């Protein structure tokens, strides 16, 4: 039984090693991380206050979701060909994620902002105070474009480094 568990752990480590040596996903993940990190100084430039919670939140400039899926799609295109079936799948997934980020999630954020204002009006001066809804859910088209370009750049840089 101990041998079986050891074999399972070695297999799991092998899979993790394969993931982190994947020349498509690694640059996309780096692009995603850069997008999350860059949000903090960009917010400081805009508001003159440091908001470290942006490292773990959705929304904001640039879109880390767009960076990730654009990096994956571009990496697949570079490695497998832009005329391949797998690129078509990656491109379609990226288009859906970016559309969702700029459309549905952005509208949900607008609704949250309106509901928060309504709750504030209703509970002003009263001890009852409900938890605020998260307003920064989606992205403006410019934020999504920023993430898209960052993802493509990260995938291109990965291609240059590993080829």
C-alpha atoms as a PDB file:
ATOM      1  CA  UNK A   1       0.000   0.000   0.000  1.00  0.00           C
ATOM      2  CA  UNK A   2       2.855   2.400   0.808  1.00  0.00           C
ATOM      3  CA  UNK A   3       4.383   1.691  -2.623  1.00  0.00           C
ATOM      4  CA  UNK A   4       1.086   2.614  -4.285  1.00  0.00           C
ATOM      5  CA  UNK A   5       0.921   5.951  -2.412  1.00  0.00           C
ATOM      6  CA  UNK A   6       4.540   6.724  -3.270  1.00  0.00           C
ATOM      7  CA  UNK A   7       3.844   5.990  -6.939  1.00  0.00           C
ATOM      8  CA  UNK A   8       0.793   8.273  -6.841  1.00  0.00           C
ATOM      9  CA  UNK A   9       2.847  11.115  -5.336  1.00  0.00           C
ATOM     10  CA  UNK A  10       5.594  10.689  -7.924  1.00  0.00           C
ATOM     11  CA  UNK A  11       2.999  10.738 -10.708  1.00  0.00           C
ATOM     12  CA  UNK A  12       1.424  13.885  -9.263  1.00  0.00           C
ATOM     13  CA  UNK A  13       4.825  15.608  -9.098  1.00  0.00           C
ATOM     14  CA  UNK A  14       5.488  14.559 -12.690  1.00  0.00           C
ATOM     15  CA  UNK A  15       2.208  16.149 -13.808  1.00  0.00           C
ATOM     16  CA  UNK A  16       2.989  19.356 -11.935  1.00  0.00           C
ATOM     17  CA  UNK A  17       6.444  19.433 -13.519  1.00  0.00           C
ATOM     18  CA  UNK A  18       4.871  18.949 -16.965  1.00  0.00           C
ATOM     19  CA  UNK A  19       2.455  21.820 -16.384  1.00  0.00           C
ATOM     20  CA  UNK A  20       5.236  24.210 -15.365  1.00  0.00           C
ATOM     21  CA  UNK A  21       7.379  23.216 -18.336  1.00  0.00           C
ATOM     22  CA  UNK A  22       4.503  23.734 -20.779  1.00  0.00           C
ATOM     23  CA  UNK A  23       5.636  26.442 -23.186  1.00  0.00           C
ATOM     24  CA  UNK A  24       2.072  27.509 -23.909  1.00  0.00           C
ATOM     25  CA  UNK A  25       0.585  27.826 -20.441  1.00  0.00           C
ATOM     26  CA  UNK A  26       3.646  29.213 -18.637  1.00  0.00           C
ATOM     27  CA  UNK A  27       3.875  32.508 -20.605  1.00  0.00           C
ATOM     28  CA  UNK A  28       0.086  32.886 -20.347  1.00  0.00           C
ATOM     29  CA  UNK A  29       0.255  32.453 -16.566  1.00  0.00           C
ATOM     30  CA  UNK A  30       3.098  34.978 -16.412  1.00  0.00           C
ATOM     31  CA  UNK A  31       0.976  37.419 -18.440  1.00  0.00           C
ATOM     32  CA  UNK A  32      -1.924  36.839 -16.046  1.00  0.00           C
ATOM     33  CA  UNK A  33       0.330  37.490 -13.025  1.00  0.00           C
ATOM     34  CA  UNK A  34       1.776  40.650 -14.591  1.00  0.00           C
ATOM     35  CA  UNK A  35      -1.758  41.915 -15.294  1.00  0.00           C
ATOM     36  CA  UNK A  36      -2.748  41.375 -11.648  1.00  0.00           C
ATOM     37  CA  UNK A  37       0.417  43.026 -10.301  1.00  0.00           C
ATOM     38  CA  UNK A  38       0.243  46.037 -12.649  1.00  0.00           C
ATOM     39  CA  UNK A  39      -3.255  46.880 -11.380  1.00  0.00           C
ATOM     40  CA  UNK A  40      -1.839  48.108  -8.061  1.00  0.00           C
ATOM     41  CA  UNK A  41       0.488  50.865  -9.368  1.00  0.00           C
ATOM     42  CA  UNK A  42      -2.026  51.863 -12.059  1.00  0.00           C
ATOM     43  CA  UNK A  43      -4.669  52.313  -9.352  1.00  0.00           C
ATOM     44  CA  UNK A  44      -2.177  54.370  -7.311  1.00  0.00           C
ATOM     45  CA  UNK A  45      -1.479  56.634 -10.301  1.00  0.00           C
ATOM     46  CA  UNK A  46      -5.219  57.082 -10.792  1.00  0.00           C
ATOM     47  CA  UNK A  47      -6.336  57.545  -7.156  1.00  0.00           C
ATOM     48  CA  UNK A  48      -3.125  58.293  -5.193  1.00  0.00           C
ATOM     49  CA  UNK A  49      -3.788  55.393  -2.807  1.00  0.00           C
ATOM     50  CA  UNK A  50      -2.381  51.871  -2.669  1.00  0.00           C
ATOM     51  CA  UNK A  51      -5.036  49.157  -2.959  1.00  0.00           C
ATOM     52  CA  UNK A  52      -3.293  45.813  -2.444  1.00  0.00           C
ATOM     53  CA  UNK A  53      -6.609  43.931  -2.630  1.00  0.00           C
ATOM     54  CA  UNK A  54      -6.443  44.402  -6.401  1.00  0.00           C
ATOM     55  CA  UNK A  55      -3.880  41.590  -6.478  1.00  0.00           C
ATOM     56  CA  UNK A  56      -6.670  39.112  -5.742  1.00  0.00           C
ATOM     57  CA  UNK A  57      -9.759  40.809  -7.202  1.00  0.00           C
ATOM     58  CA  UNK A  58     -11.416  40.749 -10.592  1.00  0.00           C
ATOM     59  CA  UNK A  59     -11.852  43.830 -12.733  1.00  0.00           C
ATOM     60  CA  UNK A  60      -9.541  46.732 -13.387  1.00  0.00           C
ATOM     61  CA  UNK A  61      -6.842  47.581 -15.905  1.00  0.00           C
ATOM     62  CA  UNK A  62      -5.535  45.423 -17.510  1.00  0.00           C
ATOM     63  CA  UNK A  63      -7.856  42.434 -17.607  1.00  0.00           C
ATOM     64  CA  UNK A  64      -5.962  39.407 -16.291  1.00  0.00           C
ATOM     65  CA  UNK A  65      -8.644  37.089 -17.682  1.00  0.00           C
ATOM     66  CA  UNK A  66      -8.122  38.542 -21.142  1.00  0.00           C
ATOM     67  CA  UNK A  67      -4.343  38.309 -20.732  1.00  0.00           C
ATOM     68  CA  UNK A  68      -4.575  34.625 -19.774  1.00  0.00           C
ATOM     69  CA  UNK A  69      -6.891  33.480 -22.563  1.00  0.00           C
ATOM     70  CA  UNK A  70      -5.210  35.649 -25.210  1.00  0.00           C
ATOM     71  CA  UNK A  71      -1.831  34.266 -24.126  1.00  0.00           C
ATOM     72  CA  UNK A  72      -3.130  30.694 -24.380  1.00  0.00           C
ATOM     73  CA  UNK A  73      -4.720  31.274 -27.791  1.00  0.00           C
ATOM     74  CA  UNK A  74      -1.674  33.043 -29.205  1.00  0.00           C
ATOM     75  CA  UNK A  75       0.668  30.400 -27.748  1.00  0.00           C
ATOM     76  CA  UNK A  76      -1.401  27.616 -29.283  1.00  0.00           C
ATOM     77  CA  UNK A  77      -1.348  29.429 -32.612  1.00  0.00           C
ATOM     78  CA  UNK A  78       2.428  29.828 -32.487  1.00  0.00           C
ATOM     79  CA  UNK A  79       3.069  26.214 -31.494  1.00  0.00           C
ATOM     80  CA  UNK A  80       0.340  24.344 -33.369  1.00  0.00           C
ATOM     81  CA  UNK A  81      -0.419  26.722 -36.218  1.00  0.00           C
ATOM     82  CA  UNK A  82      -3.054  29.384 -36.614  1.00  0.00           C
ATOM     83  CA  UNK A  83      -4.930  27.080 -38.978  1.00  0.00           C
ATOM     84  CA  UNK A  84      -5.162  24.197 -36.462  1.00  0.00           C
ATOM     85  CA  UNK A  85      -8.307  22.907 -34.822  1.00  0.00           C
ATOM     86  CA  UNK A  86      -6.879  23.459 -31.350  1.00  0.00           C
ATOM     87  CA  UNK A  87      -6.203  27.134 -32.171  1.00  0.00           C
ATOM     88  CA  UNK A  88      -9.834  27.490 -33.297  1.00  0.00           C
ATOM     89  CA  UNK A  89     -10.940  26.099 -29.927  1.00  0.00           C
ATOM     90  CA  UNK A  90      -8.534  28.344 -27.975  1.00  0.00           C
ATOM     91  CA  UNK A  91      -9.582  31.412 -29.995  1.00  0.00           C
ATOM     92  CA  UNK A  92     -13.280  30.685 -29.419  1.00  0.00           C
ATOM     93  CA  UNK A  93     -12.704  30.232 -25.687  1.00  0.00           C
ATOM     94  CA  UNK A  94     -10.761  33.512 -25.557  1.00  0.00           C
ATOM     95  CA  UNK A  95     -13.523  35.338 -27.433  1.00  0.00           C
ATOM     96  CA  UNK A  96     -16.191  34.033 -25.029  1.00  0.00           C
ATOM     97  CA  UNK A  97     -14.160  34.970 -21.927  1.00  0.00           C
ATOM     98  CA  UNK A  98     -13.393  38.467 -23.218  1.00  0.00           C
ATOM     99  CA  UNK A  99     -17.009  39.005 -24.291  1.00  0.00           C
ATOM    100  CA  UNK A 100     -18.181  37.869 -20.862  1.00  0.00           C
ATOM    101  CA  UNK A 101     -15.691  40.180 -19.116  1.00  0.00           C
ATOM    102  CA  UNK A 102     -16.766  43.253 -21.098  1.00  0.00           C
ATOM    103  CA  UNK A 103     -20.456  42.428 -21.312  1.00  0.00           C
ATOM    104  CA  UNK A 104     -22.177  40.304 -18.717  1.00  0.00           C
ATOM    105  CA  UNK A 105     -19.729  40.767 -15.819  1.00  0.00           C
ATOM    106  CA  UNK A 106     -19.488  44.508 -16.453  1.00  0.00           C
ATOM    107  CA  UNK A 107     -23.280  44.819 -16.331  1.00  0.00           C
ATOM    108  CA  UNK A 108     -23.359  42.778 -13.110  1.00  0.00           C
ATOM    109  CA  UNK A 109     -20.895  45.295 -11.644  1.00  0.00           C
ATOM    110  CA  UNK A 110     -23.151  48.190 -12.647  1.00  0.00           C
ATOM    111  CA  UNK A 111     -26.103  46.440 -10.986  1.00  0.00           C
ATOM    112  CA  UNK A 112     -24.059  45.903  -7.821  1.00  0.00           C
ATOM    113  CA  UNK A 113     -23.163  49.612  -7.734  1.00  0.00           C
ATOM    114  CA  UNK A 114     -26.847  50.574  -8.063  1.00  0.00           C
ATOM    115  CA  UNK A 115     -27.942  48.080  -5.391  1.00  0.00           C
ATOM    116  CA  UNK A 116     -25.222  49.297  -3.029  1.00  0.00           C
ATOM    117  CA  UNK A 117     -26.442  52.877  -3.473  1.00  0.00           C
ATOM    118  CA  UNK A 118     -30.042  51.774  -2.819  1.00  0.00           C
ATOM    119  CA  UNK A 119     -29.028  49.897   0.349  1.00  0.00           C
ATOM    120  CA  UNK A 120     -27.027  52.924   1.543  1.00  0.00           C
ATOM    121  CA  UNK A 121     -30.061  55.158   1.006  1.00  0.00           C
ATOM    122  CA  UNK A 122     -32.409  52.755   2.794  1.00  0.00           C
ATOM    123  CA  UNK A 123     -30.131  52.100   5.766  1.00  0.00           C
ATOM    124  CA  UNK A 124     -28.796  55.636   6.328  1.00  0.00           C
ATOM    125  CA  UNK A 125     -29.171  56.376  10.020  1.00  0.00           C
ATOM    126  CA  UNK A 126     -30.384  52.850  10.786  1.00  0.00           C
ATOM    127  CA  UNK A 127     -28.364  50.168  12.600  1.00  0.00           C
ATOM    128  CA  UNK A 128     -29.105  47.658   9.838  1.00  0.00           C
ATOM    129  CA  UNK A 129     -26.234  47.646   7.332  1.00  0.00           C
ATOM    130  CA  UNK A 130     -25.962  44.925   4.727  1.00  0.00           C
ATOM    131  CA  UNK A 131     -22.709  43.698   3.230  1.00  0.00           C
ATOM    132  CA  UNK A 132     -21.678  45.615   0.129  1.00  0.00           C
ATOM    133  CA  UNK A 133     -21.830  43.828  -3.213  1.00  0.00           C
ATOM    134  CA  UNK A 134     -18.655  43.618  -5.259  1.00  0.00           C
ATOM    135  CA  UNK A 135     -18.920  46.336  -7.905  1.00  0.00           C
ATOM    136  CA  UNK A 136     -15.718  45.781  -9.841  1.00  0.00           C
ATOM    137  CA  UNK A 137     -16.643  42.578 -11.652  1.00  0.00           C
ATOM    138  CA  UNK A 138     -16.129  43.223 -15.332  1.00  0.00           C
ATOM    139  CA  UNK A 139     -13.965  45.276 -17.628  1.00  0.00           C
ATOM    140  CA  UNK A 140     -14.297  48.191 -19.976  1.00  0.00           C
ATOM    141  CA  UNK A 141     -13.347  47.396 -23.557  1.00  0.00           C
ATOM    142  CA  UNK A 142     -10.046  49.266 -23.009  1.00  0.00           C
ATOM    143  CA  UNK A 143      -9.211  47.127 -19.970  1.00  0.00           C
ATOM    144  CA  UNK A 144      -9.964  43.958 -21.961  1.00  0.00           C
ATOM    145  CA  UNK A 145      -7.825  45.233 -24.847  1.00  0.00           C
ATOM    146  CA  UNK A 146      -4.981  45.910 -22.407  1.00  0.00           C
ATOM    147  CA  UNK A 147      -5.197  42.330 -21.141  1.00  0.00           C
ATOM    148  CA  UNK A 148      -5.475  40.948 -24.681  1.00  0.00           C
ATOM    149  CA  UNK A 149      -2.307  42.762 -25.775  1.00  0.00           C
ATOM    150  CA  UNK A 150      -0.447  41.770 -22.605  1.00  0.00           C
ATOM    151  CA  UNK A 151      -1.384  38.110 -23.114  1.00  0.00           C
ATOM    152  CA  UNK A 152      -0.263  38.129 -26.739  1.00  0.00           C
ATOM    153  CA  UNK A 153       3.013  39.830 -25.771  1.00  0.00           C
ATOM    154  CA  UNK A 154       3.665  37.263 -23.004  1.00  0.00           C
ATOM    155  CA  UNK A 155       3.014  34.344 -25.376  1.00  0.00           C
ATOM    156  CA  UNK A 156       5.205  35.923 -28.060  1.00  0.00           C
ATOM    157  CA  UNK A 157       8.028  36.446 -25.556  1.00  0.00           C
ATOM    158  CA  UNK A 158       7.701  32.819 -24.428  1.00  0.00           C
ATOM    159  CA  UNK A 159       7.885  31.698 -28.064  1.00  0.00           C
ATOM    160  CA  UNK A 160      11.035  33.755 -28.617  1.00  0.00           C
ATOM    161  CA  UNK A 161      12.685  32.434 -25.453  1.00  0.00           C
ATOM    162  CA  UNK A 162      11.923  28.746 -26.036  1.00  0.00           C
ATOM    163  CA  UNK A 163      12.368  28.576 -29.809  1.00  0.00           C
END
